[in-house]
């Protein structure tokens, strides 16, 4: 997976970053003279170029009082303006790198990549090279979107470094803005598969709970009661296979919070297998037998990361308007770990 919220210090404005886009909500102040919408937004969002605002308008990402509005609209006091922008401003210069990618699908407007575990999606402090964006910048260095210095060109969403799976990247501004809107509206269909500790009591269920940065450790997230801290998060799950002391599950997200699946399953007492950040990298269920301990340690070696894969993604194509769906196979490390658990539990009556 998301980083801290993007905020503007203004009592009449709300702003958030969800996935890799900005959302601003502005209430037009009393006494404001009638002014073109684009000019007003440029004056209120000084770090945002007019070109970005125009692209957002073209994609239908600017609403006034809940209705799509053109740049020529004249704002007036009391209007509520909502704008979704494709990506926040970045601060690192990008140097393209020739890194092989697993391409699931590509056309003139977008590309889908099956990201391998261990690859960071975009540059950040501590990760200035070898990221997915470095590879994309090399592959698309002749495309206008990838010619500048922005380190997040085309990105709409992301997954954690040690999570594998499907990501969609836009190759044009119109595709970027239209896909950003779908992720903001949570209309995309995303499914994940994960291996979690313990035997879930229900075959299907829903986990809710606001997610926010932990108050004790800023590197991880936590679940908080409904209130002012954290943001609403909803995870639906289904048990695919019960493997004794672990379960293979499918998750579908209504929201896209940082570490959402990982923190939600820790919250209900079923951390992801070998998830070091959320306590899944130790034996949480099972016997005290030495052979069992060795078996689990061997599983950790086979899968040296959290057992989580972004398996499928569906959305409305930003240019054709058709619904598209893409799926991927589980990566070998995760498949090998699952097979090892299957072999361990096969024919055993002493495993719950």
Protein backbone atom coordinates (compact mmCIF):
# COMPACT_ATOMS: atom_id res chain seq x y z
CA UNK A 1 0.00 0.00 0.00
CA UNK A 2 -0.89 4.93 1.43
CA UNK A 3 0.93 7.74 3.26
CA UNK A 4 -0.22 10.52 5.61
CA UNK A 5 -3.10 12.71 4.46
CA UNK A 6 -2.34 15.68 2.25
CA UNK A 7 -3.66 18.68 4.14
CA UNK A 8 -4.21 22.38 3.46
CA UNK A 9 -4.57 24.66 6.49
CA UNK A 10 -7.94 26.26 5.86
CA UNK A 11 -11.03 26.02 8.03
CA UNK A 12 -13.31 26.08 4.99
CA UNK A 13 -11.53 23.28 3.18
CA UNK A 14 -11.23 19.55 3.62
CA UNK A 15 -8.51 17.61 1.82
CA UNK A 16 -7.40 14.02 1.74
CA UNK A 17 -5.11 11.73 -0.21
CA UNK A 18 -6.56 8.30 -0.82
CA UNK A 19 -4.55 5.96 -3.01
CA UNK A 20 -2.44 8.26 -5.23
CA UNK A 21 -4.70 11.21 -5.82
CA UNK A 22 -5.82 14.31 -3.98
CA UNK A 23 -9.35 15.18 -3.03
CA UNK A 24 -10.21 18.75 -2.05
CA UNK A 25 -13.57 19.97 -0.82
CA UNK A 26 -14.00 23.74 -0.69
CA UNK A 27 -16.94 25.82 0.53
CA UNK A 28 -17.04 29.19 -1.25
CA UNK A 29 -16.69 31.96 1.31
CA UNK A 30 -19.32 34.67 1.97
CA UNK A 31 -18.46 37.80 0.02
CA UNK A 32 -16.67 35.95 -2.79
CA UNK A 33 -17.28 37.68 -6.11
CA UNK A 34 -18.39 35.56 -9.05
CA UNK A 35 -15.27 34.07 -10.62
CA UNK A 36 -14.48 31.38 -13.17
CA UNK A 37 -14.13 28.00 -11.48
CA UNK A 38 -10.62 27.30 -12.82
CA UNK A 39 -9.34 30.73 -11.73
CA UNK A 40 -10.83 30.25 -8.28
CA UNK A 41 -9.23 26.83 -7.87
CA UNK A 42 -5.84 28.11 -9.02
CA UNK A 43 -6.02 30.86 -6.40
CA UNK A 44 -7.05 28.48 -3.63
CA UNK A 45 -4.71 25.62 -4.57
CA UNK A 46 -1.44 27.48 -5.25
CA UNK A 47 0.62 24.28 -5.59
CA UNK A 48 -1.70 22.99 -8.33
CA UNK A 49 -1.15 24.05 -11.95
CA UNK A 50 -3.98 25.24 -14.18
CA UNK A 51 -3.18 22.33 -16.49
CA UNK A 52 -3.92 19.80 -13.72
CA UNK A 53 -7.18 21.55 -12.95
CA UNK A 54 -8.16 21.56 -16.63
CA UNK A 55 -7.37 17.83 -16.91
CA UNK A 56 -9.53 17.16 -13.86
CA UNK A 57 -12.37 19.15 -15.41
CA UNK A 58 -12.10 17.27 -18.72
CA UNK A 59 -12.36 13.96 -16.85
CA UNK A 60 -15.47 15.13 -14.97
CA UNK A 61 -13.59 15.24 -11.66
CA UNK A 62 -14.77 18.71 -10.57
CA UNK A 63 -18.19 18.86 -8.94
CA UNK A 64 -20.07 21.94 -7.80
CA UNK A 65 -22.90 21.15 -5.41
CA UNK A 66 -22.62 17.52 -6.49
CA UNK A 67 -22.90 18.21 -10.24
CA UNK A 68 -20.06 18.03 -12.77
CA UNK A 69 -18.96 21.54 -13.70
CA UNK A 70 -16.84 23.07 -16.45
CA UNK A 71 -14.04 25.55 -15.90
CA UNK A 72 -16.25 28.37 -17.19
CA UNK A 73 -18.72 27.96 -14.32
CA UNK A 74 -18.87 31.10 -12.11
CA UNK A 75 -18.56 30.23 -8.43
CA UNK A 76 -20.67 32.07 -5.86
CA UNK A 77 -20.87 32.12 -2.04
CA UNK A 78 -22.15 28.89 -0.53
CA UNK A 79 -21.13 26.68 -3.46
CA UNK A 80 -19.46 23.41 -2.45
CA UNK A 81 -16.65 22.49 -4.83
CA UNK A 82 -15.17 18.98 -4.88
CA UNK A 83 -12.12 18.20 -7.03
CA UNK A 84 -10.21 14.95 -7.47
CA UNK A 85 -6.68 15.44 -8.81
CA UNK A 86 -4.63 12.69 -10.35
CA UNK A 87 -1.59 12.67 -8.07
CA UNK A 88 0.13 14.87 -5.48
CA UNK A 89 3.25 16.89 -6.12
CA UNK A 90 6.48 14.93 -5.64
CA UNK A 91 9.96 15.99 -4.67
CA UNK A 92 12.50 13.55 -6.14
CA UNK A 93 14.03 13.57 -9.59
CA UNK A 94 13.41 10.35 -11.47
CA UNK A 95 16.17 8.53 -13.37
CA UNK A 96 14.79 5.75 -15.65
CA UNK A 97 16.10 2.21 -15.08
CA UNK A 98 15.91 -0.82 -17.38
CA UNK A 99 14.11 -3.23 -15.02
CA UNK A 100 12.08 -6.17 -16.44
CA UNK A 101 8.33 -6.09 -15.72
CA UNK A 102 5.61 -8.75 -15.79
CA UNK A 103 3.04 -7.14 -18.11
CA UNK A 104 -0.51 -8.44 -17.73
CA UNK A 105 -2.10 -6.13 -20.34
CA UNK A 106 -1.25 -2.97 -22.25
CA UNK A 107 -2.92 -0.62 -24.73
CA UNK A 108 -2.51 3.03 -25.74
CA UNK A 109 -4.14 4.30 -22.55
CA UNK A 110 -3.01 2.07 -19.70
CA UNK A 111 -0.83 -0.83 -18.62
CA UNK A 112 -1.35 -3.50 -15.96
CA UNK A 113 1.68 -4.91 -14.18
CA UNK A 114 1.95 -7.94 -11.92
CA UNK A 115 4.35 -6.50 -9.35
CA UNK A 116 6.73 -8.91 -7.70
CA UNK A 117 7.20 -8.94 -3.93
CA UNK A 118 10.15 -6.86 -2.78
CA UNK A 119 9.68 -4.08 -5.34
CA UNK A 120 8.73 -0.63 -4.05
CA UNK A 121 6.09 1.09 -6.19
CA UNK A 122 7.50 4.62 -6.28
CA UNK A 123 10.55 6.50 -4.95
CA UNK A 124 10.45 7.75 -1.38
CA UNK A 125 12.94 8.33 1.42
CA UNK A 126 15.11 5.23 1.61
CA UNK A 127 14.07 4.00 -1.84
CA UNK A 128 15.63 6.17 -4.53
CA UNK A 129 16.18 3.47 -7.15
CA UNK A 130 14.87 0.12 -8.36
CA UNK A 131 11.19 0.99 -8.00
CA UNK A 132 8.31 0.16 -10.31
CA UNK A 133 8.17 3.79 -11.42
CA UNK A 134 11.87 3.71 -12.40
CA UNK A 135 11.05 0.75 -14.67
CA UNK A 136 7.99 2.48 -16.12
CA UNK A 137 9.96 5.67 -16.76
CA UNK A 138 12.44 3.66 -18.83
CA UNK A 139 9.73 1.82 -20.74
CA UNK A 140 7.72 4.97 -21.50
CA UNK A 141 10.42 7.64 -21.65
CA UNK A 142 8.99 8.90 -24.96
CA UNK A 143 5.49 9.43 -23.56
CA UNK A 144 4.71 13.01 -22.41
CA UNK A 145 3.53 11.85 -18.99
CA UNK A 146 6.89 10.19 -18.26
CA UNK A 147 9.18 12.89 -19.63
CA UNK A 148 9.05 15.19 -16.62
CA UNK A 149 10.56 14.95 -13.17
CA UNK A 150 7.47 13.67 -11.37
CA UNK A 151 8.22 10.41 -9.55
CA UNK A 152 4.63 9.11 -9.61
CA UNK A 153 3.67 9.39 -13.28
CA UNK A 154 0.57 7.42 -14.14
CA UNK A 155 0.05 5.95 -10.67
CA UNK A 156 -3.47 5.70 -9.31
CA UNK A 157 -2.96 3.17 -6.51
CA UNK A 158 -0.18 1.15 -4.93
CA UNK A 159 0.53 -1.97 -2.92
CA UNK A 160 3.14 -2.58 -0.23
CA UNK A 161 6.73 -3.46 -1.06
CA UNK A 162 6.36 -7.06 0.13
CA UNK A 163 2.89 -7.56 -1.31
CA UNK A 164 2.72 -8.96 -4.83
CA UNK A 165 0.04 -8.45 -7.44
CA UNK A 166 -1.76 -6.40 -10.06
CA UNK A 167 -1.45 -2.63 -10.47
CA UNK A 168 -2.94 -0.42 -13.21
CA UNK A 169 -0.93 2.55 -14.50
CA UNK A 170 -2.27 5.27 -16.79
CA UNK A 171 -0.38 6.36 -19.92
CA UNK A 172 -2.30 9.59 -20.54
CA UNK A 173 -3.75 12.42 -18.48
CA UNK A 174 -7.34 11.59 -19.38
CA UNK A 175 -6.88 7.93 -18.40
CA UNK A 176 -5.18 8.99 -15.18
CA UNK A 177 -7.96 11.32 -14.12
CA UNK A 178 -10.80 8.96 -15.04
CA UNK A 179 -9.19 6.01 -13.26
CA UNK A 180 -8.46 8.19 -10.23
CA UNK A 181 -12.16 9.00 -10.02
CA UNK A 182 -13.08 5.31 -10.02
CA UNK A 183 -10.65 4.55 -7.21
CA UNK A 184 -11.91 7.57 -5.27
CA UNK A 185 -15.50 6.39 -5.70
CA UNK A 186 -14.48 2.80 -4.76
CA UNK A 187 -16.16 1.53 -7.92
CA UNK A 188 -13.16 -0.62 -8.92
CA UNK A 189 -13.39 -4.33 -8.13
CA UNK A 190 -10.28 -5.54 -6.31
CA UNK A 191 -9.65 -8.96 -4.82
CA UNK A 192 -6.71 -10.23 -2.79
CA UNK A 193 -5.70 -13.63 -1.52
CA UNK A 194 -3.98 -14.04 1.82
CA UNK A 195 -2.88 -16.72 4.26
CA UNK A 196 -3.87 -15.85 7.84
CA UNK A 197 -3.12 -17.41 11.19
CA UNK A 198 -5.92 -19.38 12.85
CA UNK A 199 -9.22 -20.92 11.82
CA UNK A 200 -11.82 -18.24 11.11
CA UNK A 201 -15.13 -19.01 12.79
CA UNK A 202 -17.23 -17.88 9.81
CA UNK A 203 -16.88 -18.92 6.17
CA UNK A 204 -17.58 -15.34 5.12
CA UNK A 205 -17.56 -12.04 6.95
CA UNK A 206 -16.95 -8.30 6.97
CA UNK A 207 -14.39 -6.41 9.05
CA UNK A 208 -14.99 -2.75 9.82
CA UNK A 209 -13.07 -0.21 11.86
CA UNK A 210 -11.45 3.14 11.21
CA UNK A 211 -7.79 2.86 10.20
CA UNK A 212 -5.20 5.49 11.06
CA UNK A 213 -1.53 5.83 11.80
CA UNK A 214 -0.62 4.10 15.08
CA UNK A 215 -0.18 6.47 18.01
CA UNK A 216 2.66 4.30 19.33
CA UNK A 217 4.52 3.41 16.12
CA UNK A 218 4.23 5.70 13.09
CA UNK A 219 5.48 2.96 10.76
CA UNK A 220 2.32 0.90 11.13
CA UNK A 221 -1.43 1.45 11.19
CA UNK A 222 -4.05 0.67 13.82
CA UNK A 223 -7.82 0.29 14.13
CA UNK A 224 -9.69 2.94 16.10
CA UNK A 225 -13.30 3.36 17.27
CA UNK A 226 -15.55 5.46 15.05
CA UNK A 227 -14.73 9.08 15.64
CA UNK A 228 -12.38 11.82 14.55
CA UNK A 229 -9.25 9.67 14.16
CA UNK A 230 -8.61 7.38 11.26
CA UNK A 231 -10.79 6.77 8.20
CA UNK A 232 -13.59 4.33 7.57
CA UNK A 233 -12.36 0.98 6.28
CA UNK A 234 -14.41 -2.03 5.16
CA UNK A 235 -12.97 -5.44 4.24
CA UNK A 236 -15.09 -8.39 3.06
CA UNK A 237 -13.55 -11.85 3.25
CA UNK A 238 -14.31 -15.44 2.32
CA UNK A 239 -12.47 -18.56 3.45
CA UNK A 240 -11.18 -20.43 0.40
CA UNK A 241 -9.43 -23.28 2.20
CA UNK A 242 -8.93 -24.32 5.81
CA UNK A 243 -5.43 -25.64 6.35
CA UNK A 244 -5.43 -26.47 10.03
CA UNK A 245 -3.68 -23.64 11.85
CA UNK A 246 -3.91 -21.26 8.89
CA UNK A 247 -6.67 -20.28 6.44
CA UNK A 248 -6.40 -19.25 2.81
CA UNK A 249 -8.82 -16.37 2.26
CA UNK A 250 -10.06 -14.01 -0.43
CA UNK A 251 -10.58 -10.34 0.43
CA UNK A 252 -12.55 -7.67 -1.37
CA UNK A 253 -12.09 -4.04 -0.39
CA UNK A 254 -14.71 -1.31 -0.22
CA UNK A 255 -12.03 1.17 0.81
CA UNK A 256 -8.31 1.49 0.12
CA UNK A 257 -6.56 2.38 3.36
CA UNK A 258 -2.89 1.86 4.10
CA UNK A 259 -2.22 -1.79 5.13
CA UNK A 260 -6.00 -2.31 5.27
CA UNK A 261 -6.08 -6.11 5.02
CA UNK A 262 -3.04 -6.54 7.24
CA UNK A 263 -4.26 -4.31 10.06
CA UNK A 264 -7.89 -5.50 9.91
CA UNK A 265 -6.92 -9.16 10.30
CA UNK A 266 -4.55 -8.36 13.14
CA UNK A 267 -7.45 -6.50 14.74
CA UNK A 268 -9.65 -9.63 14.76
CA UNK A 269 -6.82 -11.85 16.01
CA UNK A 270 -5.80 -13.45 12.70
CA UNK A 271 -2.62 -11.70 11.47
CA UNK A 272 -1.31 -12.52 8.01
CA UNK A 273 1.19 -15.37 7.92
CA UNK A 274 4.78 -14.06 8.29
CA UNK A 275 3.69 -10.41 8.51
CA UNK A 276 6.51 -8.97 10.59
CA UNK A 277 4.87 -5.55 11.04
CA UNK A 278 1.67 -6.98 12.50
CA UNK A 279 2.89 -9.93 14.55
CA UNK A 280 2.42 -12.73 12.06
CA UNK A 281 6.10 -13.69 11.87
CA UNK A 282 5.93 -16.03 14.88
CA UNK A 283 3.99 -19.18 15.70
CA UNK A 284 0.53 -18.07 16.80
CA UNK A 285 -1.43 -21.31 16.42
CA UNK A 286 -0.53 -24.98 16.62
CA UNK A 287 1.27 -27.46 18.83
CA UNK A 288 4.38 -27.30 20.99
CA UNK A 289 6.06 -30.16 19.12
CA UNK A 290 9.57 -29.47 17.88
CA UNK A 291 8.75 -30.90 14.43
CA UNK A 292 5.85 -28.47 14.08
CA UNK A 293 8.04 -25.52 15.04
CA UNK A 294 10.58 -26.57 12.44
CA UNK A 295 7.81 -26.95 9.86
CA UNK A 296 6.61 -23.38 10.45
CA UNK A 297 10.18 -22.02 10.32
CA UNK A 298 10.62 -23.75 6.98
CA UNK A 299 7.40 -22.13 5.76
CA UNK A 300 8.75 -18.72 6.81
CA UNK A 301 11.88 -19.40 4.75
CA UNK A 302 9.82 -20.40 1.71
CA UNK A 303 7.69 -17.25 2.05
CA UNK A 304 9.91 -14.55 3.63
CA UNK A 305 7.19 -11.87 3.58
CA UNK A 306 3.53 -11.34 4.42
CA UNK A 307 1.31 -13.84 2.59
CA UNK A 308 -0.67 -11.33 0.54
CA UNK A 309 -1.28 -11.08 -3.22
CA UNK A 310 -3.39 -8.54 -5.15
CA UNK A 311 -4.98 -11.14 -7.40
CA UNK A 312 -7.52 -9.35 -9.59
CA UNK A 313 -8.67 -5.91 -10.66
CA UNK A 314 -11.75 -4.76 -12.56
CA UNK A 315 -12.78 -1.28 -13.70
CA UNK A 316 -14.38 0.73 -16.51
CA UNK A 317 -11.82 1.40 -19.24
CA UNK A 318 -11.22 5.18 -19.15
CA UNK A 319 -11.38 5.57 -22.95
CA UNK A 320 -13.53 2.74 -24.35
CA UNK A 321 -16.04 2.86 -21.50
CA UNK A 322 -16.15 -0.94 -21.40
CA UNK A 323 -15.88 -2.95 -18.19
CA UNK A 324 -12.58 -4.86 -18.05
CA UNK A 325 -11.28 -7.47 -15.61
CA UNK A 326 -7.78 -8.86 -15.05
CA UNK A 327 -6.62 -11.80 -12.97
CA UNK A 328 -3.23 -13.23 -11.97
CA UNK A 329 -1.78 -16.45 -10.61
CA UNK A 330 -0.42 -16.66 -7.08
CA UNK A 331 3.36 -16.10 -7.03
CA UNK A 332 5.50 -19.18 -6.58
CA UNK A 333 6.65 -18.40 -3.03
CA UNK A 334 3.09 -18.08 -1.78
CA UNK A 335 1.91 -21.14 -3.73
CA UNK A 336 4.78 -23.23 -2.35
CA UNK A 337 3.90 -22.23 1.21
CA UNK A 338 0.23 -23.13 0.70
CA UNK A 339 1.20 -26.50 -0.79
CA UNK A 340 3.42 -27.18 2.21
CA UNK A 341 0.50 -26.54 4.58
CA UNK A 342 -1.73 -28.80 2.48
CA UNK A 343 0.78 -31.63 2.74
CA UNK A 344 1.14 -31.07 6.50
CA UNK A 345 -2.60 -31.20 7.21
CA UNK A 346 -3.49 -33.98 4.78
CA UNK A 347 -4.92 -36.95 6.69
CA UNK A 348 -4.15 -35.48 10.14
CA UNK A 349 -6.94 -35.61 12.70
CA UNK A 350 -4.97 -33.73 15.36
CA UNK A 351 -5.11 -30.45 13.40
CA UNK A 352 -8.17 -28.30 14.01
